[in-house]
Structure formats: C-alpha cells, structure tokens
Amino acid sequence: MLLKQMIANDLRNCYEVASNDELLQRLESDFYAYREGMDVKDFTKLEEIFSEYMARVTRIAYLQGMKDFNELCLQLRENTNDIMEKYIDA
C-alpha cells in the first residue's frame, strides 16, 4: 500500500513538472503540428503507439531509479571507510 501511495504521489509530481517544462511543451506542439494533412485514424493509432511506448519507458526508468536508490541506501549502511576503499581501488 505504501509503495502504491509513493508512486501515485511521484507521478503527480512528475506530471506537474512535465506540464510546466518548456521543451516538452514545444515538442508536443511539434508532434501535433505533424497531424495536419494526415488521416485522423492513422494519426490516432500513431499517437496510441507513441503514448504506450513512452509510458513503458517512464515506468522502467522510474522503477530502475527506485532500485538504484535502494541499492545506494544499502551500500551507505556499510562502514564509510570500506566504501571509500572499494571505490578508490576500482
């Protein structure tokens, strides 16, 4: 339950940031400008495929970030000197 709540809050925060991002706004505008002269049915299908693709990429990136953060927290529980030696030697 906690994980679902965290994801919901993070998605809401991401949406807020993304909707205010100037580059994303321009790219969205450019994307929809290309529909001019395109068959509506074809464009709708293209939009569905693109949206599903981007949603999947976003989920993967989000979950990978959570995994990386968790691994970082586990590593930081180790002795600081051991961590430093491990990365200095590498």
N, C-alpha and C. Protein backbone atom coordinates (compact mmCIF):
# COMPACT_ATOMS: atom_id res chain seq x y z
N MET A 1 0.83 -1.19 0.00
CA MET A 1 0.00 0.00 0.00
C MET A 1 0.87 1.25 0.00
N LEU A 2 1.93 1.25 0.79
CA LEU A 2 2.82 2.40 0.86
C LEU A 2 3.47 2.67 -0.49
N LEU A 3 3.91 1.61 -1.17
CA LEU A 3 4.54 1.76 -2.48
C LEU A 3 3.57 2.37 -3.49
N LYS A 4 2.33 1.91 -3.49
CA LYS A 4 1.32 2.48 -4.40
C LYS A 4 1.12 3.96 -4.13
N GLN A 5 1.08 4.33 -2.86
CA GLN A 5 0.89 5.73 -2.48
C GLN A 5 2.10 6.57 -2.91
N MET A 6 3.30 6.03 -2.72
CA MET A 6 4.52 6.74 -3.14
C MET A 6 4.52 6.96 -4.66
N ILE A 7 4.17 5.92 -5.40
CA ILE A 7 4.14 6.03 -6.86
C ILE A 7 3.10 7.04 -7.30
N ALA A 8 1.93 7.02 -6.68
CA ALA A 8 0.89 7.98 -7.04
C ALA A 8 1.35 9.41 -6.79
N ASN A 9 1.98 9.65 -5.65
CA ASN A 9 2.47 10.99 -5.34
C ASN A 9 3.56 11.41 -6.31
N ASP A 10 4.49 10.49 -6.60
CA ASP A 10 5.58 10.81 -7.52
C ASP A 10 5.06 11.07 -8.93
N LEU A 11 4.08 10.29 -9.37
CA LEU A 11 3.51 10.51 -10.69
C LEU A 11 2.84 11.88 -10.77
N ARG A 12 2.16 12.26 -9.71
CA ARG A 12 1.51 13.57 -9.67
C ARG A 12 2.58 14.67 -9.74
N ASN A 13 3.66 14.49 -8.99
CA ASN A 13 4.75 15.47 -9.01
C ASN A 13 5.41 15.52 -10.38
N CYS A 14 5.64 14.35 -11.00
CA CYS A 14 6.24 14.31 -12.33
C CYS A 14 5.35 14.99 -13.35
N TYR A 15 4.05 14.75 -13.26
CA TYR A 15 3.11 15.38 -14.19
C TYR A 15 3.18 16.90 -14.08
N GLU A 16 3.24 17.38 -12.85
CA GLU A 16 3.30 18.83 -12.64
C GLU A 16 4.56 19.42 -13.27
N VAL A 17 5.69 18.79 -13.05
CA VAL A 17 6.95 19.27 -13.62
C VAL A 17 6.92 19.17 -15.14
N ALA A 18 6.46 18.03 -15.65
CA ALA A 18 6.44 17.82 -17.11
C ALA A 18 5.50 18.80 -17.79
N SER A 19 4.37 19.10 -17.18
CA SER A 19 3.41 20.01 -17.82
C SER A 19 3.91 21.45 -17.83
N ASN A 20 4.90 21.77 -17.01
CA ASN A 20 5.46 23.13 -16.99
C ASN A 20 6.80 23.22 -17.72
N ASP A 21 7.27 22.12 -18.29
CA ASP A 21 8.55 22.10 -18.97
C ASP A 21 8.40 22.69 -20.38
N GLU A 22 9.17 23.73 -20.68
CA GLU A 22 9.04 24.42 -21.96
C GLU A 22 9.41 23.54 -23.15
N LEU A 23 10.46 22.74 -23.01
CA LEU A 23 10.89 21.88 -24.11
C LEU A 23 9.82 20.83 -24.41
N LEU A 24 9.27 20.21 -23.38
CA LEU A 24 8.21 19.23 -23.60
C LEU A 24 6.98 19.86 -24.26
N GLN A 25 6.66 21.08 -23.86
CA GLN A 25 5.53 21.77 -24.47
C GLN A 25 5.78 22.01 -25.96
N ARG A 26 7.00 22.41 -26.30
CA ARG A 26 7.33 22.66 -27.70
C ARG A 26 7.30 21.36 -28.51
N LEU A 27 7.87 20.29 -27.93
CA LEU A 27 7.87 19.00 -28.62
C LEU A 27 6.44 18.48 -28.84
N GLU A 28 5.60 18.66 -27.86
CA GLU A 28 4.21 18.23 -28.01
C GLU A 28 3.53 19.04 -29.10
N SER A 29 3.79 20.31 -29.12
CA SER A 29 3.22 21.17 -30.16
C SER A 29 3.71 20.73 -31.54
N ASP A 30 5.00 20.45 -31.67
CA ASP A 30 5.56 19.98 -32.94
C ASP A 30 4.93 18.65 -33.35
N PHE A 31 4.77 17.75 -32.38
CA PHE A 31 4.18 16.44 -32.67
C PHE A 31 2.79 16.59 -33.27
N TYR A 32 1.97 17.43 -32.64
CA TYR A 32 0.60 17.60 -33.12
C TYR A 32 0.53 18.46 -34.39
N ALA A 33 1.54 19.25 -34.65
CA ALA A 33 1.57 20.02 -35.90
C ALA A 33 1.71 19.09 -37.09
N TYR A 34 2.34 17.93 -36.90
CA TYR A 34 2.53 16.97 -37.99
C TYR A 34 1.25 16.26 -38.38
N ARG A 35 0.22 16.37 -37.57
CA ARG A 35 -1.03 15.70 -37.93
C ARG A 35 -1.77 16.41 -39.05
N GLU A 36 -1.39 17.66 -39.30
CA GLU A 36 -2.02 18.40 -40.39
C GLU A 36 -1.84 17.63 -41.69
N GLY A 37 -2.93 17.33 -42.35
CA GLY A 37 -2.89 16.61 -43.61
C GLY A 37 -2.82 15.10 -43.46
N MET A 38 -2.69 14.61 -42.24
CA MET A 38 -2.61 13.17 -42.01
C MET A 38 -4.01 12.64 -41.71
N ASP A 39 -4.27 11.43 -42.15
CA ASP A 39 -5.54 10.79 -41.87
C ASP A 39 -5.73 10.69 -40.35
N VAL A 40 -6.89 11.06 -39.86
CA VAL A 40 -7.17 11.09 -38.42
C VAL A 40 -7.00 9.70 -37.80
N LYS A 41 -7.46 8.68 -38.50
CA LYS A 41 -7.36 7.31 -37.97
C LYS A 41 -5.89 6.90 -37.85
N ASP A 42 -5.09 7.21 -38.84
CA ASP A 42 -3.67 6.87 -38.80
C ASP A 42 -2.95 7.63 -37.69
N PHE A 43 -3.28 8.91 -37.56
CA PHE A 43 -2.62 9.71 -36.52
C PHE A 43 -3.02 9.22 -35.14
N THR A 44 -4.27 8.85 -34.95
CA THR A 44 -4.73 8.35 -33.65
C THR A 44 -3.99 7.07 -33.28
N LYS A 45 -3.81 6.19 -34.26
CA LYS A 45 -3.07 4.94 -33.99
C LYS A 45 -1.62 5.25 -33.65
N LEU A 46 -0.99 6.16 -34.40
CA LEU A 46 0.39 6.57 -34.12
C LEU A 46 0.50 7.16 -32.72
N GLU A 47 -0.46 7.98 -32.34
CA GLU A 47 -0.47 8.60 -31.01
C GLU A 47 -0.60 7.54 -29.91
N GLU A 48 -1.45 6.54 -30.13
CA GLU A 48 -1.62 5.46 -29.16
C GLU A 48 -0.32 4.67 -28.96
N ILE A 49 0.33 4.34 -30.08
CA ILE A 49 1.59 3.59 -30.01
C ILE A 49 2.65 4.40 -29.28
N PHE A 50 2.78 5.66 -29.64
CA PHE A 50 3.79 6.54 -29.02
C PHE A 50 3.51 6.71 -27.52
N SER A 51 2.26 6.90 -27.16
CA SER A 51 1.89 7.09 -25.74
C SER A 51 2.19 5.83 -24.94
N GLU A 52 1.85 4.68 -25.48
CA GLU A 52 2.12 3.43 -24.78
C GLU A 52 3.62 3.19 -24.63
N TYR A 53 4.37 3.49 -25.67
CA TYR A 53 5.82 3.35 -25.65
C TYR A 53 6.43 4.26 -24.56
N MET A 54 6.03 5.51 -24.53
CA MET A 54 6.59 6.46 -23.58
C MET A 54 6.17 6.13 -22.14
N ALA A 55 4.96 5.63 -21.96
CA ALA A 55 4.53 5.23 -20.62
C ALA A 55 5.38 4.06 -20.12
N ARG A 56 5.68 3.13 -21.00
CA ARG A 56 6.50 1.98 -20.62
C ARG A 56 7.92 2.41 -20.28
N VAL A 57 8.51 3.28 -21.11
CA VAL A 57 9.86 3.79 -20.85
C VAL A 57 9.89 4.53 -19.51
N THR A 58 8.88 5.31 -19.24
CA THR A 58 8.81 6.08 -18.00
C THR A 58 8.72 5.15 -16.79
N ARG A 59 7.90 4.11 -16.89
CA ARG A 59 7.79 3.15 -15.78
C ARG A 59 9.12 2.45 -15.53
N ILE A 60 9.77 2.02 -16.60
CA ILE A 60 11.06 1.33 -16.45
C ILE A 60 12.08 2.26 -15.80
N ALA A 61 12.17 3.50 -16.27
CA ALA A 61 13.13 4.46 -15.72
C ALA A 61 12.83 4.75 -14.25
N TYR A 62 11.57 4.89 -13.92
CA TYR A 62 11.18 5.18 -12.55
C TYR A 62 11.55 4.02 -11.62
N LEU A 63 11.20 2.81 -12.03
CA LEU A 63 11.49 1.66 -11.19
C LEU A 63 12.99 1.41 -11.08
N GLN A 64 13.73 1.64 -12.16
CA GLN A 64 15.18 1.49 -12.10
C GLN A 64 15.77 2.52 -11.13
N GLY A 65 15.24 3.73 -11.14
CA GLY A 65 15.69 4.76 -10.21
C GLY A 65 15.43 4.36 -8.77
N MET A 66 14.26 3.79 -8.51
CA MET A 66 13.95 3.33 -7.15
C MET A 66 14.90 2.20 -6.74
N LYS A 67 15.18 1.29 -7.66
CA LYS A 67 16.09 0.18 -7.39
C LYS A 67 17.49 0.71 -7.09
N ASP A 68 17.97 1.63 -7.92
CA ASP A 68 19.30 2.21 -7.71
C ASP A 68 19.38 2.94 -6.38
N PHE A 69 18.33 3.68 -6.03
CA PHE A 69 18.32 4.41 -4.76
C PHE A 69 18.36 3.43 -3.59
N ASN A 70 17.59 2.35 -3.70
CA ASN A 70 17.58 1.34 -2.64
C ASN A 70 18.97 0.73 -2.48
N GLU A 71 19.61 0.39 -3.60
CA GLU A 71 20.96 -0.18 -3.53
C GLU A 71 21.94 0.81 -2.92
N LEU A 72 21.79 2.09 -3.25
CA LEU A 72 22.65 3.12 -2.67
C LEU A 72 22.46 3.18 -1.15
N CYS A 73 21.21 3.14 -0.71
CA CYS A 73 20.95 3.17 0.74
C CYS A 73 21.56 1.97 1.43
N LEU A 74 21.48 0.80 0.80
CA LEU A 74 22.08 -0.40 1.39
C LEU A 74 23.59 -0.27 1.46
N GLN A 75 24.20 0.28 0.42
CA GLN A 75 25.65 0.47 0.43
C GLN A 75 26.08 1.47 1.49
N LEU A 76 25.27 2.50 1.69
CA LEU A 76 25.64 3.52 2.67
C LEU A 76 25.53 3.04 4.10
N ARG A 77 24.93 1.87 4.29
CA ARG A 77 24.89 1.29 5.64
C ARG A 77 26.23 0.67 6.02
N GLU A 78 27.04 0.39 5.00
CA GLU A 78 28.35 -0.20 5.26
C GLU A 78 29.25 0.85 5.93
N ASN A 79 30.36 0.38 6.42
CA ASN A 79 31.36 1.27 7.01
C ASN A 79 31.87 2.22 5.93
N THR A 80 31.90 3.49 6.23
CA THR A 80 32.33 4.51 5.26
C THR A 80 33.72 4.24 4.72
N ASN A 81 34.63 3.82 5.57
CA ASN A 81 36.00 3.53 5.12
C ASN A 81 36.02 2.38 4.13
N ASP A 82 35.20 1.35 4.36
CA ASP A 82 35.12 0.22 3.44
C ASP A 82 34.59 0.67 2.07
N ILE A 83 33.61 1.54 2.08
CA ILE A 83 33.05 2.06 0.83
C ILE A 83 34.11 2.84 0.06
N MET A 84 34.83 3.72 0.76
CA MET A 84 35.87 4.53 0.12
C MET A 84 36.96 3.67 -0.47
N GLU A 85 37.40 2.66 0.26
CA GLU A 85 38.46 1.78 -0.24
C GLU A 85 38.01 1.01 -1.48
N LYS A 86 36.77 0.59 -1.48
CA LYS A 86 36.24 -0.17 -2.61
C LYS A 86 36.27 0.68 -3.89
N TYR A 87 35.88 1.96 -3.79
CA TYR A 87 35.80 2.81 -4.98
C TYR A 87 37.15 3.42 -5.35
N ILE A 88 38.01 3.59 -4.40
CA ILE A 88 39.35 4.10 -4.70
C ILE A 88 40.14 3.04 -5.45
N ASP A 89 40.01 1.78 -5.00
CA ASP A 89 40.73 0.68 -5.65
C ASP A 89 40.22 0.43 -7.08
N ALA A 90 38.95 0.70 -7.31
CA ALA A 90 38.36 0.48 -8.65
C ALA A 90 38.81 1.57 -9.54
